[in-house]
Amino acid sequence: MQKSRINTEQRILDAVKSLLLNKGFPNVGINAISREAGCDKVLIYRYFGGLDGLLERFSIESDLWWTVDEIILENMDEITQFSLPQFLDLLLKRHIKAVQKRPLTQEIMAWEMSDTNPLTLALNKVRTEQGMLLFKQVRLHFNQPHIDVGGILGIFGAAINYLVIRTRHSHSEYQKEEWWRLEQTISSLLSCQTANK
């Protein structure tokens, strides 16, 4: 019985992903998901509490956003080899790579710019939670209260997210130059932060 439920839940989650990738958010509803998953829609309510609960669970379990372990790869001894600005520069560049490799996340982020829906809200919740965990991990290793770590990560993270959304369907030389410029700007401004403290 438990195995059957787990299999059905996974089919439902897979159906959400398939519909999002192939038809977009406006076509993701209880009826469409139940058809795609080949199950009774009552099970979506029973297992997930409805569409909102399903989309929140989907956002958590489908690797839509990075985890802190994906961004901080160093152990405690290795982290001490960096200055705070150097470490933030490294983390932000990993953030770029992590978001660039998630095309479905990019599409959801693009929808978020023009519409609020259960999936964008669920992604925002996961993104906020992981961002806070990242901030706490950085603060744990670097006791420099005069540097606004949250502000730095927030401002540069927003710039990165915007450029990811805007360039998600483009692979031009100009796009490469934009990414190069943003990465250079992040490094340069973080270096200035070090010089001014």
N, C-alpha and C. Protein backbone atom coordinates (compact mmCIF):
# COMPACT_ATOMS: atom_id res chain seq x y z
N MET A 1 0.83 -1.19 0.00
CA MET A 1 0.00 0.00 0.00
C MET A 1 0.87 1.26 0.00
N GLN A 2 1.89 1.28 0.92
CA GLN A 2 2.78 2.43 1.00
C GLN A 2 3.57 2.61 -0.28
N LYS A 3 4.05 1.49 -0.85
CA LYS A 3 4.81 1.54 -2.09
C LYS A 3 3.94 2.08 -3.22
N SER A 4 2.69 1.66 -3.27
CA SER A 4 1.76 2.13 -4.30
C SER A 4 1.56 3.64 -4.17
N ARG A 5 1.41 4.11 -2.94
CA ARG A 5 1.23 5.56 -2.73
C ARG A 5 2.48 6.32 -3.19
N ILE A 6 3.66 5.83 -2.82
CA ILE A 6 4.90 6.51 -3.22
C ILE A 6 5.01 6.58 -4.73
N ASN A 7 4.68 5.47 -5.41
CA ASN A 7 4.73 5.44 -6.88
C ASN A 7 3.74 6.43 -7.49
N THR A 8 2.54 6.49 -6.92
CA THR A 8 1.52 7.41 -7.44
C THR A 8 1.94 8.86 -7.20
N GLU A 9 2.46 9.15 -6.02
CA GLU A 9 2.93 10.50 -5.74
C GLU A 9 4.00 10.92 -6.74
N GLN A 10 4.92 9.99 -7.04
CA GLN A 10 6.00 10.32 -7.97
C GLN A 10 5.44 10.56 -9.38
N ARG A 11 4.45 9.75 -9.79
CA ARG A 11 3.83 9.96 -11.10
C ARG A 11 3.18 11.34 -11.17
N ILE A 12 2.55 11.74 -10.09
CA ILE A 12 1.91 13.05 -10.04
C ILE A 12 2.95 14.16 -10.13
N LEU A 13 4.03 14.03 -9.38
CA LEU A 13 5.11 15.02 -9.43
C LEU A 13 5.75 15.08 -10.82
N ASP A 14 5.93 13.91 -11.43
CA ASP A 14 6.48 13.86 -12.79
C ASP A 14 5.53 14.53 -13.79
N ALA A 15 4.23 14.36 -13.55
CA ALA A 15 3.23 14.96 -14.43
C ALA A 15 3.30 16.49 -14.35
N VAL A 16 3.50 17.02 -13.16
CA VAL A 16 3.64 18.47 -12.99
C VAL A 16 4.82 18.97 -13.82
N LYS A 17 5.95 18.29 -13.70
CA LYS A 17 7.15 18.71 -14.43
C LYS A 17 6.92 18.64 -15.94
N SER A 18 6.32 17.57 -16.40
CA SER A 18 6.05 17.41 -17.83
C SER A 18 5.15 18.52 -18.35
N LEU A 19 4.10 18.84 -17.62
CA LEU A 19 3.18 19.90 -18.05
C LEU A 19 3.86 21.26 -18.04
N LEU A 20 4.66 21.51 -17.04
CA LEU A 20 5.36 22.80 -16.96
C LEU A 20 6.31 22.97 -18.14
N LEU A 21 7.06 21.92 -18.43
CA LEU A 21 8.04 22.01 -19.51
C LEU A 21 7.40 22.09 -20.88
N ASN A 22 6.30 21.36 -21.06
CA ASN A 22 5.71 21.26 -22.40
C ASN A 22 4.57 22.23 -22.67
N LYS A 23 3.87 22.66 -21.61
CA LYS A 23 2.69 23.49 -21.85
C LYS A 23 2.67 24.79 -21.06
N GLY A 24 3.54 24.92 -20.07
CA GLY A 24 3.59 26.15 -19.29
C GLY A 24 2.61 26.16 -18.13
N PHE A 25 2.84 27.09 -17.20
CA PHE A 25 2.07 27.10 -15.97
C PHE A 25 0.56 27.23 -16.17
N PRO A 26 0.09 28.08 -17.11
CA PRO A 26 -1.37 28.23 -17.23
C PRO A 26 -2.11 26.92 -17.48
N ASN A 27 -1.40 25.91 -17.98
CA ASN A 27 -2.03 24.62 -18.28
C ASN A 27 -1.84 23.59 -17.17
N VAL A 28 -1.32 24.03 -16.03
CA VAL A 28 -1.11 23.11 -14.92
C VAL A 28 -2.27 23.26 -13.94
N GLY A 29 -3.19 22.33 -14.01
CA GLY A 29 -4.34 22.31 -13.12
C GLY A 29 -4.58 20.89 -12.64
N ILE A 30 -5.48 20.74 -11.70
CA ILE A 30 -5.76 19.43 -11.12
C ILE A 30 -6.16 18.43 -12.19
N ASN A 31 -7.07 18.81 -13.08
CA ASN A 31 -7.55 17.87 -14.10
C ASN A 31 -6.43 17.47 -15.06
N ALA A 32 -5.65 18.46 -15.50
CA ALA A 32 -4.55 18.16 -16.44
C ALA A 32 -3.51 17.26 -15.78
N ILE A 33 -3.20 17.53 -14.52
CA ILE A 33 -2.20 16.73 -13.81
C ILE A 33 -2.69 15.30 -13.63
N SER A 34 -3.95 15.14 -13.25
CA SER A 34 -4.48 13.78 -13.04
C SER A 34 -4.49 13.00 -14.36
N ARG A 35 -4.82 13.69 -15.47
CA ARG A 35 -4.79 13.01 -16.78
C ARG A 35 -3.36 12.59 -17.13
N GLU A 36 -2.43 13.52 -16.95
CA GLU A 36 -1.03 13.25 -17.30
C GLU A 36 -0.45 12.13 -16.44
N ALA A 37 -0.84 12.09 -15.17
CA ALA A 37 -0.32 11.07 -14.24
C ALA A 37 -1.08 9.75 -14.36
N GLY A 38 -2.26 9.79 -14.98
CA GLY A 38 -3.07 8.57 -15.09
C GLY A 38 -3.65 8.13 -13.77
N CYS A 39 -4.12 9.11 -12.98
CA CYS A 39 -4.70 8.76 -11.68
C CYS A 39 -5.93 9.64 -11.42
N ASP A 40 -6.71 9.23 -10.45
CA ASP A 40 -7.89 10.01 -10.06
C ASP A 40 -7.45 11.30 -9.38
N LYS A 41 -8.11 12.42 -9.70
CA LYS A 41 -7.71 13.70 -9.12
C LYS A 41 -7.92 13.75 -7.60
N VAL A 42 -8.77 12.88 -7.09
CA VAL A 42 -8.98 12.81 -5.64
C VAL A 42 -7.66 12.53 -4.92
N LEU A 43 -6.77 11.75 -5.57
CA LEU A 43 -5.49 11.41 -4.96
C LEU A 43 -4.60 12.63 -4.79
N ILE A 44 -4.74 13.60 -5.66
CA ILE A 44 -3.94 14.84 -5.53
C ILE A 44 -4.34 15.57 -4.26
N TYR A 45 -5.64 15.60 -3.99
CA TYR A 45 -6.12 16.22 -2.75
C TYR A 45 -5.71 15.40 -1.52
N ARG A 46 -5.83 14.08 -1.65
CA ARG A 46 -5.53 13.21 -0.52
C ARG A 46 -4.04 13.24 -0.17
N TYR A 47 -3.18 13.17 -1.18
CA TYR A 47 -1.74 13.07 -0.93
C TYR A 47 -1.05 14.42 -0.73
N PHE A 48 -1.60 15.47 -1.37
CA PHE A 48 -0.90 16.76 -1.35
C PHE A 48 -1.75 17.91 -0.79
N GLY A 49 -3.02 17.65 -0.52
CA GLY A 49 -3.89 18.70 -0.01
C GLY A 49 -4.39 19.67 -1.06
N GLY A 50 -4.22 19.31 -2.33
CA GLY A 50 -4.68 20.18 -3.41
C GLY A 50 -3.51 20.71 -4.24
N LEU A 51 -3.83 21.61 -5.16
CA LEU A 51 -2.83 22.11 -6.11
C LEU A 51 -1.71 22.88 -5.41
N ASP A 52 -2.04 23.75 -4.49
CA ASP A 52 -1.01 24.55 -3.81
C ASP A 52 -0.02 23.67 -3.08
N GLY A 53 -0.53 22.67 -2.35
CA GLY A 53 0.35 21.74 -1.63
C GLY A 53 1.21 20.93 -2.58
N LEU A 54 0.62 20.54 -3.71
CA LEU A 54 1.37 19.77 -4.70
C LEU A 54 2.50 20.61 -5.28
N LEU A 55 2.21 21.86 -5.62
CA LEU A 55 3.24 22.71 -6.23
C LEU A 55 4.34 23.04 -5.23
N GLU A 56 3.97 23.20 -3.97
CA GLU A 56 5.00 23.46 -2.95
C GLU A 56 5.90 22.24 -2.80
N ARG A 57 5.29 21.07 -2.74
CA ARG A 57 6.08 19.83 -2.64
C ARG A 57 6.96 19.65 -3.87
N PHE A 58 6.40 19.96 -5.04
CA PHE A 58 7.16 19.86 -6.28
C PHE A 58 8.38 20.77 -6.24
N SER A 59 8.20 22.00 -5.76
CA SER A 59 9.31 22.95 -5.72
C SER A 59 10.42 22.49 -4.78
N ILE A 60 10.06 21.76 -3.72
CA ILE A 60 11.04 21.28 -2.76
C ILE A 60 11.77 20.05 -3.30
N GLU A 61 11.03 19.13 -3.90
CA GLU A 61 11.60 17.83 -4.26
C GLU A 61 12.18 17.76 -5.67
N SER A 62 11.93 18.75 -6.49
CA SER A 62 12.36 18.63 -7.88
C SER A 62 13.63 19.41 -8.19
N ASP A 63 14.39 19.77 -7.17
CA ASP A 63 15.68 20.40 -7.39
C ASP A 63 15.54 21.71 -8.15
N LEU A 64 14.47 22.45 -7.87
CA LEU A 64 14.27 23.72 -8.57
C LEU A 64 15.28 24.78 -8.15
N TRP A 65 15.74 24.69 -6.93
CA TRP A 65 16.69 25.68 -6.43
C TRP A 65 17.88 24.98 -5.81
N TRP A 66 19.00 25.65 -5.78
CA TRP A 66 20.19 25.05 -5.20
C TRP A 66 20.05 24.89 -3.68
N THR A 67 20.87 24.00 -3.15
CA THR A 67 20.98 23.87 -1.70
C THR A 67 22.32 24.49 -1.29
N VAL A 68 22.47 24.77 -0.02
CA VAL A 68 23.71 25.36 0.48
C VAL A 68 24.89 24.45 0.17
N ASP A 69 24.68 23.13 0.24
CA ASP A 69 25.77 22.19 -0.05
C ASP A 69 26.24 22.27 -1.50
N GLU A 70 25.39 22.76 -2.38
CA GLU A 70 25.77 22.93 -3.78
C GLU A 70 26.58 24.21 -3.98
N ILE A 71 26.43 25.17 -3.07
CA ILE A 71 27.10 26.45 -3.20
C ILE A 71 28.37 26.53 -2.36
N ILE A 72 28.33 25.96 -1.17
CA ILE A 72 29.53 25.90 -0.32
C ILE A 72 30.10 24.49 -0.39
N LEU A 73 31.22 24.34 -1.08
CA LEU A 73 31.83 23.02 -1.27
C LEU A 73 33.02 22.79 -0.34
N GLU A 74 33.51 23.87 0.27
CA GLU A 74 34.71 23.80 1.08
C GLU A 74 34.40 23.36 2.51
N ASN A 75 35.38 22.69 3.13
CA ASN A 75 35.25 22.40 4.56
C ASN A 75 35.72 23.62 5.36
N MET A 76 35.60 23.54 6.67
CA MET A 76 35.89 24.69 7.52
C MET A 76 37.33 25.18 7.35
N ASP A 77 38.29 24.26 7.28
CA ASP A 77 39.70 24.65 7.11
C ASP A 77 39.93 25.34 5.78
N GLU A 78 39.29 24.86 4.74
CA GLU A 78 39.46 25.47 3.42
C GLU A 78 38.85 26.87 3.37
N ILE A 79 37.73 27.05 4.06
CA ILE A 79 37.07 28.36 4.05
C ILE A 79 37.97 29.42 4.68
N THR A 80 38.75 29.05 5.69
CA THR A 80 39.61 30.03 6.37
C THR A 80 40.71 30.57 5.45
N GLN A 81 40.93 29.95 4.32
CA GLN A 81 41.95 30.44 3.37
C GLN A 81 41.46 31.64 2.56
N PHE A 82 40.16 31.92 2.64
CA PHE A 82 39.58 33.02 1.87
C PHE A 82 39.33 34.23 2.77
N SER A 83 39.40 35.42 2.17
CA SER A 83 38.82 36.59 2.82
C SER A 83 37.31 36.53 2.57
N LEU A 84 36.54 37.28 3.34
CA LEU A 84 35.08 37.28 3.13
C LEU A 84 34.71 37.70 1.71
N PRO A 85 35.25 38.82 1.18
CA PRO A 85 34.89 39.20 -0.20
C PRO A 85 35.27 38.13 -1.23
N GLN A 86 36.41 37.48 -1.06
CA GLN A 86 36.81 36.41 -1.98
C GLN A 86 35.81 35.25 -1.93
N PHE A 87 35.39 34.92 -0.72
CA PHE A 87 34.46 33.80 -0.55
C PHE A 87 33.10 34.15 -1.14
N LEU A 88 32.62 35.37 -0.91
CA LEU A 88 31.33 35.79 -1.48
C LEU A 88 31.39 35.78 -3.01
N ASP A 89 32.52 36.21 -3.56
CA ASP A 89 32.70 36.19 -5.02
C ASP A 89 32.57 34.76 -5.55
N LEU A 90 33.19 33.82 -4.87
CA LEU A 90 33.12 32.41 -5.26
C LEU A 90 31.69 31.88 -5.18
N LEU A 91 30.99 32.20 -4.08
CA LEU A 91 29.62 31.73 -3.89
C LEU A 91 28.69 32.29 -4.96
N LEU A 92 28.84 33.56 -5.29
CA LEU A 92 27.98 34.18 -6.30
C LEU A 92 28.21 33.57 -7.68
N LYS A 93 29.44 33.22 -7.98
CA LYS A 93 29.72 32.58 -9.28
C LYS A 93 29.14 31.16 -9.33
N ARG A 94 29.12 30.49 -8.19
CA ARG A 94 28.47 29.18 -8.14
C ARG A 94 26.95 29.32 -8.26
N HIS A 95 26.43 30.39 -7.69
CA HIS A 95 24.99 30.68 -7.83
C HIS A 95 24.63 30.83 -9.31
N ILE A 96 25.47 31.54 -10.06
CA ILE A 96 25.23 31.71 -11.50
C ILE A 96 25.12 30.35 -12.17
N LYS A 97 26.12 29.50 -11.95
CA LYS A 97 26.14 28.18 -12.59
C LYS A 97 24.93 27.34 -12.18
N ALA A 98 24.57 27.41 -10.89
CA ALA A 98 23.46 26.60 -10.38
C ALA A 98 22.14 26.99 -11.03
N VAL A 99 21.91 28.28 -11.22
CA VAL A 99 20.65 28.72 -11.82
C VAL A 99 20.67 28.51 -13.34
N GLN A 100 21.83 28.70 -13.96
CA GLN A 100 21.92 28.51 -15.41
C GLN A 100 21.62 27.08 -15.84
N LYS A 101 21.90 26.12 -14.97
CA LYS A 101 21.69 24.71 -15.35
C LYS A 101 20.27 24.21 -15.05
N ARG A 102 19.37 25.12 -14.65
CA ARG A 102 18.00 24.75 -14.31
C ARG A 102 17.01 25.49 -15.22
N PRO A 103 16.78 24.98 -16.43
CA PRO A 103 15.88 25.68 -17.36
C PRO A 103 14.45 25.84 -16.86
N LEU A 104 13.94 24.85 -16.14
CA LEU A 104 12.58 24.96 -15.62
C LEU A 104 12.50 26.08 -14.58
N THR A 105 13.52 26.17 -13.74
CA THR A 105 13.57 27.25 -12.74
C THR A 105 13.59 28.61 -13.43
N GLN A 106 14.34 28.72 -14.50
CA GLN A 106 14.40 29.99 -15.23
C GLN A 106 13.03 30.40 -15.75
N GLU A 107 12.27 29.42 -16.25
CA GLU A 107 10.93 29.73 -16.76
C GLU A 107 10.00 30.17 -15.62
N ILE A 108 10.11 29.51 -14.48
CA ILE A 108 9.27 29.89 -13.34
C ILE A 108 9.64 31.29 -12.86
N MET A 109 10.93 31.59 -12.84
CA MET A 109 11.38 32.92 -12.44
C MET A 109 10.88 33.98 -13.42
N ALA A 110 10.84 33.63 -14.69
CA ALA A 110 10.31 34.58 -15.69
C ALA A 110 8.83 34.83 -15.45
N TRP A 111 8.05 33.78 -15.14
CA TRP A 111 6.62 33.96 -14.82
C TRP A 111 6.46 34.85 -13.60
N GLU A 112 7.39 34.69 -12.65
CA GLU A 112 7.31 35.44 -11.40
C GLU A 112 7.40 36.95 -11.66
N MET A 113 8.07 37.34 -12.75
CA MET A 113 8.20 38.76 -13.07
C MET A 113 6.86 39.38 -13.46
N SER A 114 5.93 38.56 -13.94
CA SER A 114 4.66 39.12 -14.42
C SER A 114 3.43 38.56 -13.72
N ASP A 115 3.61 37.51 -12.92
CA ASP A 115 2.45 36.85 -12.34
C ASP A 115 2.84 36.17 -11.03
N THR A 116 1.93 36.22 -10.08
CA THR A 116 2.11 35.47 -8.84
C THR A 116 1.15 34.30 -8.87
N ASN A 117 1.69 33.11 -8.69
CA ASN A 117 0.87 31.91 -8.69
C ASN A 117 1.45 30.94 -7.68
N PRO A 118 0.76 29.84 -7.39
CA PRO A 118 1.25 28.93 -6.35
C PRO A 118 2.67 28.42 -6.57
N LEU A 119 3.06 28.23 -7.84
CA LEU A 119 4.41 27.71 -8.10
C LEU A 119 5.46 28.78 -7.87
N THR A 120 5.21 30.02 -8.31
CA THR A 120 6.20 31.07 -8.08
C THR A 120 6.33 31.35 -6.58
N LEU A 121 5.22 31.27 -5.86
CA LEU A 121 5.26 31.47 -4.41
C LEU A 121 6.05 30.35 -3.73
N ALA A 122 5.84 29.12 -4.20
CA ALA A 122 6.56 27.98 -3.63
C ALA A 122 8.05 28.09 -3.91
N LEU A 123 8.42 28.47 -5.14
CA LEU A 123 9.83 28.64 -5.48
C LEU A 123 10.43 29.76 -4.64
N ASN A 124 9.70 30.85 -4.48
CA ASN A 124 10.19 31.98 -3.69
C ASN A 124 10.46 31.55 -2.24
N LYS A 125 9.58 30.71 -1.71
CA LYS A 125 9.76 30.22 -0.33
C LYS A 125 11.03 29.40 -0.21
N VAL A 126 11.24 28.47 -1.14
CA VAL A 126 12.45 27.63 -1.11
C VAL A 126 13.69 28.49 -1.29
N ARG A 127 13.63 29.43 -2.23
CA ARG A 127 14.75 30.33 -2.51
C ARG A 127 15.11 31.16 -1.27
N THR A 128 14.10 31.68 -0.60
CA THR A 128 14.32 32.48 0.61
C THR A 128 14.94 31.64 1.72
N GLU A 129 14.42 30.44 1.91
CA GLU A 129 14.93 29.55 2.95
C GLU A 129 16.40 29.20 2.71
N GLN A 130 16.73 28.85 1.47
CA GLN A 130 18.12 28.49 1.16
C GLN A 130 19.03 29.71 1.25
N GLY A 131 18.52 30.87 0.84
CA GLY A 131 19.29 32.10 0.96
C GLY A 131 19.63 32.42 2.40
N MET A 132 18.67 32.24 3.30
CA MET A 132 18.90 32.49 4.72
C MET A 132 19.91 31.48 5.30
N LEU A 133 19.80 30.23 4.88
CA LEU A 133 20.75 29.22 5.34
C LEU A 133 22.16 29.55 4.85
N LEU A 134 22.28 30.01 3.60
CA LEU A 134 23.58 30.40 3.06
C LEU A 134 24.16 31.57 3.86
N PHE A 135 23.33 32.57 4.10
CA PHE A 135 23.75 33.74 4.88
C PHE A 135 24.26 33.31 6.26
N LYS A 136 23.53 32.42 6.93
CA LYS A 136 23.93 31.96 8.26
C LYS A 136 25.25 31.20 8.22
N GLN A 137 25.45 30.39 7.18
CA GLN A 137 26.71 29.65 7.05
C GLN A 137 27.89 30.59 6.85
N VAL A 138 27.70 31.62 6.03
CA VAL A 138 28.77 32.59 5.81
C VAL A 138 29.08 33.32 7.10
N ARG A 139 28.05 33.75 7.80
CA ARG A 139 28.23 34.47 9.08
C ARG A 139 28.92 33.58 10.12
N LEU A 140 28.66 32.30 10.06
CA LEU A 140 29.28 31.36 10.99
C LEU A 140 30.80 31.34 10.84
N HIS A 141 31.26 31.49 9.61
CA HIS A 141 32.70 31.40 9.32
C HIS A 141 33.41 32.75 9.33
N PHE A 142 32.67 33.83 9.12
CA PHE A 142 33.27 35.16 9.04
C PHE A 142 32.55 36.11 10.00
N ASN A 143 33.23 36.51 11.04
CA ASN A 143 32.65 37.42 12.02
C ASN A 143 33.07 38.85 11.66
N GLN A 144 32.41 39.42 10.65
CA GLN A 144 32.70 40.78 10.21
C GLN A 144 31.39 41.55 10.11
N PRO A 145 30.85 41.98 11.26
CA PRO A 145 29.53 42.62 11.27
C PRO A 145 29.47 43.93 10.48
N HIS A 146 30.63 44.55 10.19
CA HIS A 146 30.64 45.80 9.43
C HIS A 146 30.38 45.57 7.93
N ILE A 147 30.40 44.31 7.49
CA ILE A 147 30.11 43.99 6.08
C ILE A 147 28.71 43.39 6.01
N ASP A 148 27.86 43.99 5.21
CA ASP A 148 26.46 43.55 5.08
C ASP A 148 26.38 42.38 4.11
N VAL A 149 26.63 41.19 4.63
CA VAL A 149 26.64 39.98 3.80
C VAL A 149 25.28 39.77 3.13
N GLY A 150 24.20 39.93 3.89
CA GLY A 150 22.87 39.74 3.32
C GLY A 150 22.60 40.71 2.19
N GLY A 151 23.01 41.96 2.37
CA GLY A 151 22.82 42.96 1.32
C GLY A 151 23.62 42.65 0.06
N ILE A 152 24.87 42.23 0.25
CA ILE A 152 25.72 41.89 -0.90
C ILE A 152 25.14 40.71 -1.67
N LEU A 153 24.79 39.65 -0.94
CA LEU A 153 24.21 38.48 -1.62
C LEU A 153 22.88 38.82 -2.28
N GLY A 154 22.08 39.64 -1.61
CA GLY A 154 20.77 40.01 -2.16
C GLY A 154 20.86 40.83 -3.42
N ILE A 155 21.71 41.87 -3.42
CA ILE A 155 21.82 42.75 -4.59
C ILE A 155 22.43 42.02 -5.77
N PHE A 156 23.55 41.35 -5.54
CA PHE A 156 24.18 40.64 -6.66
C PHE A 156 23.34 39.45 -7.10
N GLY A 157 22.69 38.77 -6.14
CA GLY A 157 21.82 37.65 -6.49
C GLY A 157 20.67 38.10 -7.39
N ALA A 158 20.10 39.27 -7.09
CA ALA A 158 19.01 39.80 -7.91
C ALA A 158 19.50 40.13 -9.32
N ALA A 159 20.70 40.70 -9.42
CA ALA A 159 21.26 41.02 -10.74
C ALA A 159 21.50 39.74 -11.55
N ILE A 160 22.02 38.73 -10.88
CA ILE A 160 22.26 37.44 -11.54
C ILE A 160 20.94 36.83 -12.01
N ASN A 161 19.95 36.81 -11.13
CA ASN A 161 18.66 36.22 -11.48
C ASN A 161 18.02 36.94 -12.67
N TYR A 162 18.12 38.26 -12.70
CA TYR A 162 17.55 39.03 -13.80
C TYR A 162 18.25 38.67 -15.12
N LEU A 163 19.58 38.61 -15.09
CA LEU A 163 20.31 38.30 -16.33
C LEU A 163 20.03 36.87 -16.77
N VAL A 164 19.88 35.95 -15.83
CA VAL A 164 19.53 34.57 -16.18
C VAL A 164 18.19 34.54 -16.92
N ILE A 165 17.21 35.26 -16.39
CA ILE A 165 15.89 35.28 -17.01
C ILE A 165 15.96 35.91 -18.41
N ARG A 166 16.65 37.03 -18.51
CA ARG A 166 16.68 37.77 -19.78
C ARG A 166 17.45 37.03 -20.87
N THR A 167 18.43 36.23 -20.50
CA THR A 167 19.27 35.57 -21.51
C THR A 167 18.97 34.08 -21.64
N ARG A 168 17.89 33.61 -21.04
CA ARG A 168 17.66 32.16 -20.95
C ARG A 168 17.48 31.49 -22.30
N HIS A 169 17.04 32.23 -23.32
CA HIS A 169 16.84 31.62 -24.65
C HIS A 169 17.88 32.10 -25.67
N SER A 170 18.90 32.79 -25.18
CA SER A 170 19.89 33.36 -26.08
C SER A 170 21.26 32.75 -25.83
N HIS A 171 22.00 32.53 -26.90
CA HIS A 171 23.36 31.98 -26.77
C HIS A 171 24.34 32.76 -27.64
N SER A 172 24.14 34.06 -27.69
CA SER A 172 24.95 34.91 -28.56
C SER A 172 26.27 35.29 -27.90
N GLU A 173 27.16 35.83 -28.72
CA GLU A 173 28.42 36.34 -28.20
C GLU A 173 28.17 37.51 -27.26
N TYR A 174 27.14 38.30 -27.56
CA TYR A 174 26.81 39.43 -26.70
C TYR A 174 26.40 38.94 -25.31
N GLN A 175 25.66 37.83 -25.27
CA GLN A 175 25.26 37.27 -23.98
C GLN A 175 26.49 36.86 -23.17
N LYS A 176 27.47 36.24 -23.82
CA LYS A 176 28.69 35.84 -23.12
C LYS A 176 29.40 37.06 -22.55
N GLU A 177 29.39 38.14 -23.34
CA GLU A 177 30.03 39.37 -22.87
C GLU A 177 29.29 39.95 -21.67
N GLU A 178 27.95 39.87 -21.69
CA GLU A 178 27.18 40.37 -20.55
C GLU A 178 27.51 39.60 -19.27
N TRP A 179 27.62 38.28 -19.39
CA TRP A 179 27.94 37.47 -18.22
C TRP A 179 29.35 37.76 -17.74
N TRP A 180 30.27 37.90 -18.69
CA TRP A 180 31.65 38.23 -18.32
C TRP A 180 31.69 39.56 -17.58
N ARG A 181 30.97 40.56 -18.09
CA ARG A 181 30.95 41.88 -17.47
C ARG A 181 30.37 41.82 -16.05
N LEU A 182 29.27 41.07 -15.90
CA LEU A 182 28.66 40.97 -14.56
C LEU A 182 29.62 40.29 -13.58
N GLU A 183 30.25 39.22 -14.01
CA GLU A 183 31.18 38.52 -13.10
C GLU A 183 32.36 39.42 -12.74
N GLN A 184 32.87 40.18 -13.70
CA GLN A 184 33.98 41.10 -13.44
C GLN A 184 33.55 42.21 -12.48
N THR A 185 32.31 42.69 -12.66
CA THR A 185 31.80 43.75 -11.79
C THR A 185 31.66 43.26 -10.36
N ILE A 186 31.14 42.04 -10.20
CA ILE A 186 31.01 41.46 -8.86
C ILE A 186 32.38 41.38 -8.19
N SER A 187 33.36 40.83 -8.91
CA SER A 187 34.71 40.69 -8.35
C SER A 187 35.31 42.05 -8.01
N SER A 188 35.12 43.00 -8.91
CA SER A 188 35.70 44.34 -8.71
C SER A 188 35.09 45.04 -7.50
N LEU A 189 33.76 45.00 -7.39
CA LEU A 189 33.09 45.67 -6.28
C LEU A 189 33.39 45.00 -4.95
N LEU A 190 33.50 43.69 -4.96
CA LEU A 190 33.86 43.00 -3.72
C LEU A 190 35.28 43.30 -3.31
N SER A 191 36.17 43.48 -4.29
CA SER A 191 37.55 43.87 -3.99
C SER A 191 37.59 45.26 -3.37
N CYS A 192 36.74 46.16 -3.88
CA CYS A 192 36.64 47.51 -3.31
C CYS A 192 36.16 47.44 -1.87
N GLN A 193 35.25 46.51 -1.60
CA GLN A 193 34.73 46.34 -0.24
C GLN A 193 35.89 46.00 0.71
N THR A 194 36.81 45.16 0.25
CA THR A 194 37.97 44.78 1.06
C THR A 194 38.88 45.99 1.28
N ALA A 195 39.10 46.74 0.21
CA ALA A 195 40.03 47.87 0.28
C ALA A 195 39.51 48.97 1.20
N ASN A 196 38.18 49.09 1.31
CA ASN A 196 37.59 50.18 2.08
C ASN A 196 37.42 49.83 3.55
N LYS A 197 37.71 48.60 3.96
CA LYS A 197 37.48 48.20 5.35
C LYS A 197 38.80 48.03 6.09
